[in-house]
Amino acid sequence: MSARASDPAHRADATGLIRRWPKPTVSPTPGHVARQLLRYAVLPGLLVWAAIVALGLLIMGPLGELQPEEVWSQRIAAWRSPLWDTLTDTWSTSTDTWFTIGSAVVLSLVLLWLTRRWWVGMVPLLAITVESTIFVTATHVVGRPRPEVTRPDPAPPTSSFPSGHAAAAMALWLSIALLSLRIERAWIRVPIVAFAVALPLLVAFARYYRGAHHISDIVVGMLLGVFCAVTAVRAVRETRQAPHEEPFG
């Protein structure tokens, strides 16, 4: 039996469907958490931003905007159908700006209630904050035009590279998937993780299907989201926690 499972406070909260963590006996100071964020989020984020901008400028310059991607975008546009239009509209809308912010706030509050740790509750908000900061500034610098196809949705004011929807969906929901790996009951853990992994993939496909992005925009956006999710969870895992707790994740 693990030390965490044998803790009296943990046993007291282990009954019922929802298991809350015991109250922490040791909490990190805001200064400690800030230093962890600087080390694991801010500094690596600057390197990722530079890499994305460099790749975007390479696509816009020497690579001639990757013109073959226009052909692929036109082919997927010609394949559209009413059923797929409806499905992709739902998936794409799920990560519109205000939906994403609202989802992150709600998920953070749920995590705060379940874990009783403010530094764990901040993970979803941290993930999308890092993502949006890198995305908004990088897309402004690169300025890649969107695919030359008809689009059922009005184009956002940002440019095409990288995909903000794909990045935000991956950052938010992959962070939830990683945190959910600690859920002890498999019948609860597996559906949550499966949903949290599947939704970003559906969003990515929807953005490509609806002509909002080129394939490379989607791929780079998803990789950005992975970085932001892992960064947010790692910053928490590296934070000093109560002695009876196992490493997070």
C-alpha atoms as a PDB file:
ATOM      1  CA  MET A   1       0.000   0.000   0.000  1.00  0.00           C
ATOM      2  CA  SER A   2       1.363   3.412  -0.937  1.00  0.00           C
ATOM      3  CA  ALA A   3       2.036   6.063   1.688  1.00  0.00           C
ATOM      4  CA  ARG A   4      -0.686   8.220   0.154  1.00  0.00           C
ATOM      5  CA  ALA A   5      -3.263   5.416   0.397  1.00  0.00           C
ATOM      6  CA  SER A   6      -2.381   4.751   4.048  1.00  0.00           C
ATOM      7  CA  ASP A   7      -2.744   8.381   5.050  1.00  0.00           C
ATOM      8  CA  PRO A   8      -5.767   8.788   7.404  1.00  0.00           C
ATOM      9  CA  ALA A   9      -7.031  11.878   5.617  1.00  0.00           C
ATOM     10  CA  HIS A  10      -6.897  10.058   2.310  1.00  0.00           C
ATOM     11  CA  ARG A  11      -8.813   7.071   3.673  1.00  0.00           C
ATOM     12  CA  ALA A  12     -11.497   9.379   4.991  1.00  0.00           C
ATOM     13  CA  ASP A  13     -12.037  10.879   1.540  1.00  0.00           C
ATOM     14  CA  ALA A  14     -11.802   7.588  -0.356  1.00  0.00           C
ATOM     15  CA  THR A  15     -15.456   6.663   0.067  1.00  0.00           C
ATOM     16  CA  GLY A  16     -18.083   7.362  -2.560  1.00  0.00           C
ATOM     17  CA  LEU A  17     -17.820   7.979  -6.271  1.00  0.00           C
ATOM     18  CA  ILE A  18     -15.664  11.097  -6.092  1.00  0.00           C
ATOM     19  CA  ARG A  19     -12.408  10.899  -4.179  1.00  0.00           C
ATOM     20  CA  ARG A  20     -10.981  14.206  -3.074  1.00  0.00           C
ATOM     21  CA  TRP A  21      -7.332  14.505  -2.169  1.00  0.00           C
ATOM     22  CA  PRO A  22      -6.459  15.102   1.484  1.00  0.00           C
ATOM     23  CA  LYS A  23      -5.642  18.638   2.518  1.00  0.00           C
ATOM     24  CA  PRO A  24      -1.942  19.294   1.891  1.00  0.00           C
ATOM     25  CA  THR A  25       0.319  19.404   4.915  1.00  0.00           C
ATOM     26  CA  VAL A  26       2.899  21.368   2.935  1.00  0.00           C
ATOM     27  CA  SER A  27       2.030  23.993   0.328  1.00  0.00           C
ATOM     28  CA  PRO A  28       4.469  25.674  -2.061  1.00  0.00           C
ATOM     29  CA  THR A  29       4.876  29.400  -1.786  1.00  0.00           C
ATOM     30  CA  PRO A  30       3.767  31.583  -4.711  1.00  0.00           C
ATOM     31  CA  GLY A  31       7.417  32.510  -5.198  1.00  0.00           C
ATOM     32  CA  HIS A  32       8.426  28.876  -5.560  1.00  0.00           C
ATOM     33  CA  VAL A  33       5.675  28.231  -8.077  1.00  0.00           C
ATOM     34  CA  ALA A  34       6.684  31.370  -9.997  1.00  0.00           C
ATOM     35  CA  ARG A  35      10.271  30.122 -10.226  1.00  0.00           C
ATOM     36  CA  GLN A  36       9.039  26.754 -11.458  1.00  0.00           C
ATOM     37  CA  LEU A  37       6.923  28.452 -14.124  1.00  0.00           C
ATOM     38  CA  LEU A  38       9.894  30.548 -15.209  1.00  0.00           C
ATOM     39  CA  ARG A  39      12.041  27.442 -15.518  1.00  0.00           C
ATOM     40  CA  TYR A  40       9.568  25.043 -17.098  1.00  0.00           C
ATOM     41  CA  ALA A  41       7.175  27.349 -18.986  1.00  0.00           C
ATOM     42  CA  VAL A  42       8.539  30.801 -19.772  1.00  0.00           C
ATOM     43  CA  LEU A  43      12.094  30.007 -20.855  1.00  0.00           C
ATOM     44  CA  PRO A  44      11.210  26.895 -22.909  1.00  0.00           C
ATOM     45  CA  GLY A  45       8.232  28.827 -24.305  1.00  0.00           C
ATOM     46  CA  LEU A  46      10.549  31.471 -25.715  1.00  0.00           C
ATOM     47  CA  LEU A  47      12.528  28.783 -27.525  1.00  0.00           C
ATOM     48  CA  VAL A  48       9.366  27.193 -28.901  1.00  0.00           C
ATOM     49  CA  TRP A  49       8.113  30.607 -30.060  1.00  0.00           C
ATOM     50  CA  ALA A  50      11.392  31.232 -31.877  1.00  0.00           C
ATOM     51  CA  ALA A  51      11.232  27.807 -33.538  1.00  0.00           C
ATOM     52  CA  ILE A  52       7.638  28.319 -34.696  1.00  0.00           C
ATOM     53  CA  VAL A  53       8.393  31.772 -36.089  1.00  0.00           C
ATOM     54  CA  ALA A  54      11.517  30.505 -37.850  1.00  0.00           C
ATOM     55  CA  LEU A  55       9.568  27.631 -39.419  1.00  0.00           C
ATOM     56  CA  GLY A  56       6.741  29.954 -40.437  1.00  0.00           C
ATOM     57  CA  LEU A  57       9.106  32.405 -42.097  1.00  0.00           C
ATOM     58  CA  LEU A  58      10.802  29.494 -43.844  1.00  0.00           C
ATOM     59  CA  ILE A  59       7.424  28.383 -45.210  1.00  0.00           C
ATOM     60  CA  MET A  60       6.578  31.926 -46.314  1.00  0.00           C
ATOM     61  CA  GLY A  61       9.980  32.430 -47.927  1.00  0.00           C
ATOM     62  CA  PRO A  62      12.255  29.700 -49.311  1.00  0.00           C
ATOM     63  CA  LEU A  63       9.517  27.044 -49.278  1.00  0.00           C
ATOM     64  CA  GLY A  64       7.162  29.185 -51.369  1.00  0.00           C
ATOM     65  CA  GLU A  65       4.237  28.874 -48.918  1.00  0.00           C
ATOM     66  CA  LEU A  66       4.171  25.111 -49.535  1.00  0.00           C
ATOM     67  CA  GLN A  67       1.941  25.455 -52.569  1.00  0.00           C
ATOM     68  CA  PRO A  68       1.128  21.701 -52.811  1.00  0.00           C
ATOM     69  CA  GLU A  69      -0.901  22.166 -49.649  1.00  0.00           C
ATOM     70  CA  GLU A  70      -3.367  24.325 -51.595  1.00  0.00           C
ATOM     71  CA  VAL A  71      -4.210  21.313 -53.752  1.00  0.00           C
ATOM     72  CA  TRP A  72      -4.858  19.177 -50.685  1.00  0.00           C
ATOM     73  CA  SER A  73      -7.080  21.868 -49.196  1.00  0.00           C
ATOM     74  CA  GLN A  74      -9.098  22.061 -52.411  1.00  0.00           C
ATOM     75  CA  ARG A  75      -9.535  18.293 -52.434  1.00  0.00           C
ATOM     76  CA  ILE A  76     -10.883  18.159 -48.905  1.00  0.00           C
ATOM     77  CA  ALA A  77     -13.189  21.093 -49.686  1.00  0.00           C
ATOM     78  CA  ALA A  78     -14.617  19.188 -52.657  1.00  0.00           C
ATOM     79  CA  TRP A  79     -15.312  16.226 -50.360  1.00  0.00           C
ATOM     80  CA  ARG A  80     -17.619  18.163 -48.007  1.00  0.00           C
ATOM     81  CA  SER A  81     -21.097  16.856 -47.196  1.00  0.00           C
ATOM     82  CA  PRO A  82     -23.974  18.085 -44.979  1.00  0.00           C
ATOM     83  CA  LEU A  83     -23.244  15.460 -42.333  1.00  0.00           C
ATOM     84  CA  TRP A  84     -19.574  16.312 -42.064  1.00  0.00           C
ATOM     85  CA  ASP A  85     -20.380  20.015 -42.194  1.00  0.00           C
ATOM     86  CA  THR A  86     -22.534  19.616 -39.082  1.00  0.00           C
ATOM     87  CA  LEU A  87     -20.067  17.438 -37.195  1.00  0.00           C
ATOM     88  CA  THR A  88     -17.045  19.597 -37.925  1.00  0.00           C
ATOM     89  CA  ASP A  89     -18.965  22.742 -37.021  1.00  0.00           C
ATOM     90  CA  THR A  90     -19.600  21.297 -33.553  1.00  0.00           C
ATOM     91  CA  TRP A  91     -15.994  20.198 -33.089  1.00  0.00           C
ATOM     92  CA  SER A  92     -14.561  23.469 -34.343  1.00  0.00           C
ATOM     93  CA  THR A  93     -16.876  25.640 -32.258  1.00  0.00           C
ATOM     94  CA  SER A  94     -15.930  23.732 -29.099  1.00  0.00           C
ATOM     95  CA  THR A  95     -12.579  25.530 -29.099  1.00  0.00           C
ATOM     96  CA  ASP A  96     -13.666  29.011 -30.093  1.00  0.00           C
ATOM     97  CA  THR A  97     -11.990  31.576 -27.862  1.00  0.00           C
ATOM     98  CA  TRP A  98     -14.709  32.080 -25.263  1.00  0.00           C
ATOM     99  CA  PHE A  99     -15.619  28.399 -25.142  1.00  0.00           C
ATOM    100  CA  THR A 100     -11.976  27.538 -24.489  1.00  0.00           C
ATOM    101  CA  ILE A 101     -11.584  30.157 -21.775  1.00  0.00           C
ATOM    102  CA  GLY A 102     -14.842  29.106 -20.123  1.00  0.00           C
ATOM    103  CA  SER A 103     -13.908  25.427 -20.267  1.00  0.00           C
ATOM    104  CA  ALA A 104     -10.491  26.145 -18.745  1.00  0.00           C
ATOM    105  CA  VAL A 105     -12.029  28.143 -15.894  1.00  0.00           C
ATOM    106  CA  VAL A 106     -14.586  25.426 -15.117  1.00  0.00           C
ATOM    107  CA  LEU A 107     -12.002  22.637 -15.288  1.00  0.00           C
ATOM    108  CA  SER A 108      -9.630  24.605 -13.068  1.00  0.00           C
ATOM    109  CA  LEU A 109     -12.347  25.079 -10.464  1.00  0.00           C
ATOM    110  CA  VAL A 110     -13.172  21.366 -10.561  1.00  0.00           C
ATOM    111  CA  LEU A 111      -9.507  20.464 -10.115  1.00  0.00           C
ATOM    112  CA  LEU A 112      -9.188  22.955  -7.280  1.00  0.00           C
ATOM    113  CA  TRP A 113     -12.143  21.354  -5.517  1.00  0.00           C
ATOM    114  CA  LEU A 114     -10.974  17.785  -6.095  1.00  0.00           C
ATOM    115  CA  THR A 115      -7.297  18.253  -5.208  1.00  0.00           C
ATOM    116  CA  ARG A 116      -7.555  21.151  -2.715  1.00  0.00           C
ATOM    117  CA  ARG A 117      -4.365  22.482  -4.294  1.00  0.00           C
ATOM    118  CA  TRP A 118      -4.403  25.815  -6.070  1.00  0.00           C
ATOM    119  CA  TRP A 119      -1.230  24.971  -7.966  1.00  0.00           C
ATOM    120  CA  VAL A 120      -2.890  21.913  -9.504  1.00  0.00           C
ATOM    121  CA  GLY A 121      -6.074  23.830 -10.255  1.00  0.00           C
ATOM    122  CA  MET A 122      -4.117  26.349 -12.296  1.00  0.00           C
ATOM    123  CA  VAL A 123      -2.888  23.741 -14.818  1.00  0.00           C
ATOM    124  CA  PRO A 124      -5.630  24.171 -17.492  1.00  0.00           C
ATOM    125  CA  LEU A 125      -5.411  27.969 -17.298  1.00  0.00           C
ATOM    126  CA  LEU A 126      -1.633  27.833 -17.430  1.00  0.00           C
ATOM    127  CA  ALA A 127      -1.705  25.557 -20.483  1.00  0.00           C
ATOM    128  CA  ILE A 128      -3.962  27.826 -22.541  1.00  0.00           C
ATOM    129  CA  THR A 129      -2.168  30.970 -21.341  1.00  0.00           C
ATOM    130  CA  VAL A 130       1.175  29.698 -22.612  1.00  0.00           C
ATOM    131  CA  GLU A 131      -0.495  28.502 -25.822  1.00  0.00           C
ATOM    132  CA  SER A 132      -2.317  31.743 -26.560  1.00  0.00           C
ATOM    133  CA  THR A 133       0.747  33.883 -25.838  1.00  0.00           C
ATOM    134  CA  ILE A 134       2.931  31.917 -28.231  1.00  0.00           C
ATOM    135  CA  PHE A 135       0.211  31.538 -30.851  1.00  0.00           C
ATOM    136  CA  VAL A 136      -0.979  35.149 -31.041  1.00  0.00           C
ATOM    137  CA  THR A 137       2.498  36.641 -31.297  1.00  0.00           C
ATOM    138  CA  ALA A 138       3.838  33.995 -33.695  1.00  0.00           C
ATOM    139  CA  THR A 139       0.895  34.167 -36.091  1.00  0.00           C
ATOM    140  CA  HIS A 140       1.226  37.964 -36.208  1.00  0.00           C
ATOM    141  CA  VAL A 141       4.895  37.738 -37.176  1.00  0.00           C
ATOM    142  CA  VAL A 142       4.471  34.965 -39.769  1.00  0.00           C
ATOM    143  CA  GLY A 143       1.307  36.282 -41.455  1.00  0.00           C
ATOM    144  CA  ARG A 144       0.552  33.235 -43.596  1.00  0.00           C
ATOM    145  CA  PRO A 145      -2.624  33.492 -45.733  1.00  0.00           C
ATOM    146  CA  ARG A 146      -5.373  30.936 -45.221  1.00  0.00           C
ATOM    147  CA  PRO A 147      -6.120  28.280 -47.864  1.00  0.00           C
ATOM    148  CA  GLU A 148      -7.733  29.570 -51.056  1.00  0.00           C
ATOM    149  CA  VAL A 149     -10.975  27.635 -50.683  1.00  0.00           C
ATOM    150  CA  THR A 150     -14.534  28.520 -49.774  1.00  0.00           C
ATOM    151  CA  ARG A 151     -15.063  28.487 -46.016  1.00  0.00           C
ATOM    152  CA  PRO A 152     -18.356  27.989 -44.163  1.00  0.00           C
ATOM    153  CA  ASP A 153     -17.053  30.116 -41.281  1.00  0.00           C
ATOM    154  CA  PRO A 154     -15.774  33.695 -41.193  1.00  0.00           C
ATOM    155  CA  ALA A 155     -11.986  33.682 -40.906  1.00  0.00           C
ATOM    156  CA  PRO A 156     -10.536  34.838 -37.561  1.00  0.00           C
ATOM    157  CA  PRO A 157      -8.399  37.999 -37.631  1.00  0.00           C
ATOM    158  CA  THR A 158      -5.223  35.975 -37.036  1.00  0.00           C
ATOM    159  CA  SER A 159      -3.241  34.428 -39.876  1.00  0.00           C
ATOM    160  CA  SER A 160      -3.175  30.754 -40.766  1.00  0.00           C
ATOM    161  CA  PHE A 161       0.094  29.599 -39.178  1.00  0.00           C
ATOM    162  CA  PRO A 162      -0.073  27.927 -36.710  1.00  0.00           C
ATOM    163  CA  SER A 163      -3.622  26.759 -35.995  1.00  0.00           C
ATOM    164  CA  GLY A 164      -4.831  28.392 -32.792  1.00  0.00           C
ATOM    165  CA  HIS A 165      -7.859  26.115 -32.467  1.00  0.00           C
ATOM    166  CA  ALA A 166      -5.741  22.961 -32.777  1.00  0.00           C
ATOM    167  CA  ALA A 167      -3.166  24.325 -30.343  1.00  0.00           C
ATOM    168  CA  ALA A 168      -5.733  25.431 -27.753  1.00  0.00           C
ATOM    169  CA  ALA A 169      -7.671  22.163 -27.908  1.00  0.00           C
ATOM    170  CA  MET A 170      -4.523  20.096 -27.502  1.00  0.00           C
ATOM    171  CA  ALA A 171      -3.121  22.293 -24.719  1.00  0.00           C
ATOM    172  CA  LEU A 172      -6.325  22.258 -22.677  1.00  0.00           C
ATOM    173  CA  TRP A 173      -7.510  18.702 -23.107  1.00  0.00           C
ATOM    174  CA  LEU A 174      -4.152  16.954 -23.150  1.00  0.00           C
ATOM    175  CA  SER A 175      -3.366  18.626 -19.822  1.00  0.00           C
ATOM    176  CA  ILE A 176      -6.614  17.140 -18.496  1.00  0.00           C
ATOM    177  CA  ALA A 177      -5.686  13.731 -19.935  1.00  0.00           C
ATOM    178  CA  LEU A 178      -2.294  13.832 -18.233  1.00  0.00           C
ATOM    179  CA  LEU A 179      -3.786  14.858 -14.908  1.00  0.00           C
ATOM    180  CA  SER A 180      -6.475  12.182 -15.222  1.00  0.00           C
ATOM    181  CA  LEU A 181      -3.882   9.422 -15.403  1.00  0.00           C
ATOM    182  CA  ARG A 182      -3.785   9.623 -11.617  1.00  0.00           C
ATOM    183  CA  ILE A 183      -7.443   8.620 -11.248  1.00  0.00           C
ATOM    184  CA  GLU A 184      -7.418   5.234  -9.527  1.00  0.00           C
ATOM    185  CA  ARG A 185     -10.656   3.795 -10.919  1.00  0.00           C
ATOM    186  CA  ALA A 186     -10.107   2.633 -14.488  1.00  0.00           C
ATOM    187  CA  TRP A 187     -13.775   2.890 -15.489  1.00  0.00           C
ATOM    188  CA  ILE A 188     -13.601   6.613 -14.715  1.00  0.00           C
ATOM    189  CA  ARG A 189     -10.035   7.245 -15.867  1.00  0.00           C
ATOM    190  CA  VAL A 190     -10.204   5.559 -19.278  1.00  0.00           C
ATOM    191  CA  PRO A 191     -13.268   7.422 -20.670  1.00  0.00           C
ATOM    192  CA  ILE A 192     -11.938  10.782 -19.465  1.00  0.00           C
ATOM    193  CA  VAL A 193      -8.514  10.216 -20.995  1.00  0.00           C
ATOM    194  CA  ALA A 194     -10.014   8.893 -24.236  1.00  0.00           C
ATOM    195  CA  PHE A 195     -12.304  11.913 -24.573  1.00  0.00           C
ATOM    196  CA  ALA A 196      -9.518  14.355 -23.711  1.00  0.00           C
ATOM    197  CA  VAL A 197      -7.216  12.828 -26.342  1.00  0.00           C
ATOM    198  CA  ALA A 198      -9.871  12.397 -29.043  1.00  0.00           C
ATOM    199  CA  LEU A 199     -11.372  15.893 -28.927  1.00  0.00           C
ATOM    200  CA  PRO A 200      -8.198  17.752 -30.013  1.00  0.00           C
ATOM    201  CA  LEU A 201      -7.819  15.349 -32.943  1.00  0.00           C
ATOM    202  CA  LEU A 202     -11.419  15.993 -33.999  1.00  0.00           C
ATOM    203  CA  VAL A 203     -10.885  19.743 -33.698  1.00  0.00           C
ATOM    204  CA  ALA A 204      -7.752  19.524 -35.832  1.00  0.00           C
ATOM    205  CA  PHE A 205      -9.591  17.605 -38.539  1.00  0.00           C
ATOM    206  CA  ALA A 206     -12.504  20.052 -38.381  1.00  0.00           C
ATOM    207  CA  ARG A 207     -10.263  23.062 -38.914  1.00  0.00           C
ATOM    208  CA  TYR A 208      -8.662  21.423 -41.930  1.00  0.00           C
ATOM    209  CA  TYR A 209     -11.979  20.204 -43.336  1.00  0.00           C
ATOM    210  CA  ARG A 210     -13.531  23.675 -43.035  1.00  0.00           C
ATOM    211  CA  GLY A 211     -10.672  25.320 -44.912  1.00  0.00           C
ATOM    212  CA  ALA A 212      -9.360  27.360 -41.986  1.00  0.00           C
ATOM    213  CA  HIS A 213      -5.806  26.020 -42.159  1.00  0.00           C
ATOM    214  CA  HIS A 214      -3.241  24.181 -44.221  1.00  0.00           C
ATOM    215  CA  ILE A 215      -2.029  20.799 -43.011  1.00  0.00           C
ATOM    216  CA  SER A 216       1.272  22.231 -41.766  1.00  0.00           C
ATOM    217  CA  ASP A 217      -0.627  24.852 -39.742  1.00  0.00           C
ATOM    218  CA  ILE A 218      -2.572  22.067 -38.056  1.00  0.00           C
ATOM    219  CA  VAL A 219       0.473  19.906 -37.322  1.00  0.00           C
ATOM    220  CA  VAL A 220       2.487  22.749 -35.823  1.00  0.00           C
ATOM    221  CA  GLY A 221      -0.537  23.901 -33.820  1.00  0.00           C
ATOM    222  CA  MET A 222      -0.991  20.428 -32.349  1.00  0.00           C
ATOM    223  CA  LEU A 223       2.700  20.186 -31.466  1.00  0.00           C
ATOM    224  CA  LEU A 224       2.461  23.573 -29.775  1.00  0.00           C
ATOM    225  CA  GLY A 225      -0.513  22.308 -27.778  1.00  0.00           C
ATOM    226  CA  VAL A 226       1.400  19.200 -26.705  1.00  0.00           C
ATOM    227  CA  PHE A 227       4.260  21.372 -25.498  1.00  0.00           C
ATOM    228  CA  CYS A 228       1.928  23.632 -23.509  1.00  0.00           C
ATOM    229  CA  ALA A 229       0.089  20.723 -21.869  1.00  0.00           C
ATOM    230  CA  VAL A 230       3.258  18.888 -20.896  1.00  0.00           C
ATOM    231  CA  THR A 231       4.843  22.133 -19.698  1.00  0.00           C
ATOM    232  CA  ALA A 232       1.882  22.990 -17.472  1.00  0.00           C
ATOM    233  CA  VAL A 233       1.720  19.525 -15.905  1.00  0.00           C
ATOM    234  CA  ARG A 234       5.487  19.344 -15.490  1.00  0.00           C
ATOM    235  CA  ALA A 235       5.559  22.674 -13.680  1.00  0.00           C
ATOM    236  CA  VAL A 236       3.108  21.198 -11.164  1.00  0.00           C
ATOM    237  CA  ARG A 237       4.912  17.875 -10.900  1.00  0.00           C
ATOM    238  CA  GLU A 238       8.167  19.629 -10.108  1.00  0.00           C
ATOM    239  CA  THR A 239       6.493  21.710  -7.397  1.00  0.00           C
ATOM    240  CA  ARG A 240       7.183  20.567  -3.841  1.00  0.00           C
ATOM    241  CA  GLN A 241       4.100  18.843  -2.471  1.00  0.00           C
ATOM    242  CA  ALA A 242       3.079  17.228   0.787  1.00  0.00           C
ATOM    243  CA  PRO A 243       5.497  14.437   1.833  1.00  0.00           C
ATOM    244  CA  HIS A 244       2.815  11.725   1.717  1.00  0.00           C
ATOM    245  CA  GLU A 245       1.934  12.418  -1.940  1.00  0.00           C
ATOM    246  CA  GLU A 246       3.334  10.520  -4.869  1.00  0.00           C
ATOM    247  CA  PRO A 247       4.818  12.500  -7.787  1.00  0.00           C
ATOM    248  CA  PHE A 248       1.979  13.993  -9.797  1.00  0.00           C
ATOM    249  CA  GLY A 249       1.024  12.061 -12.949  1.00  0.00           C
END
